[in-house]
C-alpha atoms as a PDB file:
ATOM      1  CA  MET A   1      15.545  84.122 126.059  1.00  0.00           C
ATOM      2  CA  THR A   2      12.155  83.921 127.387  1.00  0.00           C
ATOM      3  CA  ASP A   3       9.265  82.635 126.177  1.00  0.00           C
ATOM      4  CA  VAL A   4       6.384  84.557 124.774  1.00  0.00           C
ATOM      5  CA  GLU A   5       3.140  83.952 125.527  1.00  0.00           C
ATOM      6  CA  PRO A   6       1.217  83.324 122.098  1.00  0.00           C
ATOM      7  CA  ARG A   7      -1.793  86.222 122.232  1.00  0.00           C
ATOM      8  CA  PHE A   8      -3.647  87.626 119.560  1.00  0.00           C
ATOM      9  CA  ASP A   9      -3.981  91.372 119.814  1.00  0.00           C
ATOM     10  CA  GLU A  10      -6.540  92.772 117.745  1.00  0.00           C
ATOM     11  CA  VAL A  11      -5.287  96.244 117.770  1.00  0.00           C
ATOM     12  CA  ILE A  12      -2.050  95.164 116.385  1.00  0.00           C
ATOM     13  CA  HIS A  13      -3.754  92.950 113.916  1.00  0.00           C
ATOM     14  CA  ALA A  14      -5.023  95.765 111.406  1.00  0.00           C
ATOM     15  CA  ARG A  15      -2.122  95.318 108.207  1.00  0.00           C
ATOM     16  CA  ASN A  16      -0.849  98.794 108.503  1.00  0.00           C
ATOM     17  CA  ARG A  17      -0.701  98.576 112.543  1.00  0.00           C
ATOM     18  CA  LEU A  18       0.696  95.365 112.077  1.00  0.00           C
ATOM     19  CA  GLN A  19       3.648  97.080 109.630  1.00  0.00           C
ATOM     20  CA  ILE A  20       4.216 100.077 111.665  1.00  0.00           C
ATOM     21  CA  CYS A  21       5.058  97.444 114.787  1.00  0.00           C
ATOM     22  CA  SER A  22       7.154  95.591 112.613  1.00  0.00           C
ATOM     23  CA  VAL A  23       9.144  98.719 111.618  1.00  0.00           C
ATOM     24  CA  LEU A  24       9.428 100.089 114.646  1.00  0.00           C
ATOM     25  CA  ALA A  25      10.319  96.787 116.459  1.00  0.00           C
ATOM     26  CA  ASP A  26      13.885  96.574 114.814  1.00  0.00           C
ATOM     27  CA  VAL A  27      14.773 100.157 115.754  1.00  0.00           C
ATOM     28  CA  ASP A  28      15.114 102.435 118.837  1.00  0.00           C
ATOM     29  CA  ALA A  29      12.802 104.985 117.067  1.00  0.00           C
ATOM     30  CA  LEU A  30      12.069 105.967 113.909  1.00  0.00           C
ATOM     31  CA  GLU A  31      11.401 109.095 111.782  1.00  0.00           C
ATOM     32  CA  PHE A  32       7.307 109.757 110.718  1.00  0.00           C
ATOM     33  CA  ALA A  33       8.455 110.133 107.273  1.00  0.00           C
ATOM     34  CA  ALA A  34      10.464 106.626 107.133  1.00  0.00           C
ATOM     35  CA  VAL A  35       7.581 105.016 108.337  1.00  0.00           C
ATOM     36  CA  GLU A  36       4.954 106.768 105.497  1.00  0.00           C
ATOM     37  CA  GLU A  37       8.085 106.145 103.105  1.00  0.00           C
ATOM     38  CA  VAL A  38       8.211 102.291 104.279  1.00  0.00           C
ATOM     39  CA  LEU A  39       4.276 101.885 104.386  1.00  0.00           C
ATOM     40  CA  ASP A  40       3.495 103.497 101.244  1.00  0.00           C
ATOM     41  CA  VAL A  41       1.023 105.330 102.277  1.00  0.00           C
ATOM     42  CA  SER A  42       0.140 108.947 103.076  1.00  0.00           C
ATOM     43  CA  ASP A  43       0.753 110.764 106.212  1.00  0.00           C
ATOM     44  CA  TYR A  44      -2.988 110.716 107.451  1.00  0.00           C
ATOM     45  CA  VAL A  45      -2.933 107.017 107.012  1.00  0.00           C
ATOM     46  CA  VAL A  46       0.281 106.399 109.330  1.00  0.00           C
ATOM     47  CA  SER A  47      -1.332 109.282 111.696  1.00  0.00           C
ATOM     48  CA  LYS A  48      -4.567 107.247 112.052  1.00  0.00           C
ATOM     49  CA  HIS A  49      -3.116 104.369 112.756  1.00  0.00           C
ATOM     50  CA  VAL A  50      -0.243 105.298 115.118  1.00  0.00           C
ATOM     51  CA  LYS A  51      -2.917 107.240 117.099  1.00  0.00           C
ATOM     52  CA  VAL A  52      -4.956 103.813 117.731  1.00  0.00           C
ATOM     53  CA  LEU A  53      -1.293 102.419 118.782  1.00  0.00           C
ATOM     54  CA  ALA A  54      -0.866 105.512 120.954  1.00  0.00           C
ATOM     55  CA  ASP A  55      -3.769 105.068 122.248  1.00  0.00           C
ATOM     56  CA  ALA A  56      -3.343 101.547 123.530  1.00  0.00           C
ATOM     57  CA  GLY A  57      -0.139 102.265 124.878  1.00  0.00           C
ATOM     58  CA  TYR A  58       1.729 100.530 122.143  1.00  0.00           C
ATOM     59  CA  VAL A  59       3.567 103.374 120.584  1.00  0.00           C
ATOM     60  CA  GLU A  60       5.098 106.465 121.731  1.00  0.00           C
ATOM     61  CA  SER A  61       5.546 109.901 119.434  1.00  0.00           C
ATOM     62  CA  ARG A  62       8.340 113.137 119.979  1.00  0.00           C
ATOM     63  CA  LYS A  63       8.823 115.876 118.214  1.00  0.00           C
ATOM     64  CA  VAL A  64      12.174 117.425 117.985  1.00  0.00           C
ATOM     65  CA  HIS A  65      13.184 120.565 116.204  1.00  0.00           C
ATOM     66  CA  GLU A  66      15.872 119.609 113.865  1.00  0.00           C
ATOM     67  CA  GLY A  67      17.319 121.407 110.874  1.00  0.00           C
ATOM     68  CA  GLY A  68      14.885 124.277 111.141  1.00  0.00           C
ATOM     69  CA  ARG A  69      12.072 121.885 110.930  1.00  0.00           C
ATOM     70  CA  ASN A  70       9.711 119.699 113.247  1.00  0.00           C
ATOM     71  CA  ARG A  71      10.333 116.042 112.935  1.00  0.00           C
ATOM     72  CA  THR A  72       8.298 113.439 114.791  1.00  0.00           C
ATOM     73  CA  TRP A  73       9.894 110.402 115.826  1.00  0.00           C
ATOM     74  CA  LEU A  74       7.941 107.127 116.734  1.00  0.00           C
ATOM     75  CA  SER A  75       8.960 104.067 119.116  1.00  0.00           C
ATOM     76  CA  LEU A  76       7.445 100.768 120.177  1.00  0.00           C
ATOM     77  CA  THR A  77       6.855 101.130 124.143  1.00  0.00           C
ATOM     78  CA  ASP A  78       7.943  98.040 126.054  1.00  0.00           C
ATOM     79  CA  ASP A  79       4.082  97.293 126.505  1.00  0.00           C
ATOM     80  CA  GLY A  80       3.783  97.366 122.594  1.00  0.00           C
ATOM     81  CA  ARG A  81       7.066  95.556 122.100  1.00  0.00           C
ATOM     82  CA  ALA A  82       5.400  92.698 124.256  1.00  0.00           C
ATOM     83  CA  ALA A  83       1.998  92.700 122.788  1.00  0.00           C
ATOM     84  CA  TYR A  84       3.806  93.124 119.500  1.00  0.00           C
ATOM     85  CA  GLU A  85       5.898  89.609 120.212  1.00  0.00           C
ATOM     86  CA  GLY A  86       3.167  87.856 121.607  1.00  0.00           C
ATOM     87  CA  HIS A  87       0.565  88.755 118.701  1.00  0.00           C
ATOM     88  CA  LEU A  88       3.515  87.277 116.399  1.00  0.00           C
ATOM     89  CA  ALA A  89       4.087  84.349 118.670  1.00  0.00           C
ATOM     90  CA  GLU A  90      -0.240  83.972 118.258  1.00  0.00           C
ATOM     91  CA  LEU A  91       0.163  83.820 114.184  1.00  0.00           C
ATOM     92  CA  ARG A  92       2.771  81.253 114.398  1.00  0.00           C
ATOM     93  CA  ARG A  93       0.778  79.218 116.557  1.00  0.00           C
ATOM     94  CA  ILE A  94      -1.678  79.383 114.420  1.00  0.00           C
ATOM     95  CA  THR A  95      -0.721  78.772 111.406  1.00  0.00           C
ATOM     96  CA  ARG A  96       1.205  75.602 112.892  1.00  0.00           C
END
């Protein structure tokens, strides 16, 4: 296991964005509606925070046509995973 460099990340730190990263860190991809359900917020709120994460290069989304409807799947990028792990390491360091 490699050491993660602690690094506070303003993009990730906002509560909803931190939760989105946390949920996506445990899976390869998760459907947008599932993220909305876990966070217990509207699709507008999820969309707004996913856009910030995507603009930073931390989250990717892909649309898939399944079962007669379009579904959006979200996943952390490698940069997003590294930033999230670094942010968690910094929070642990701060709280020690």
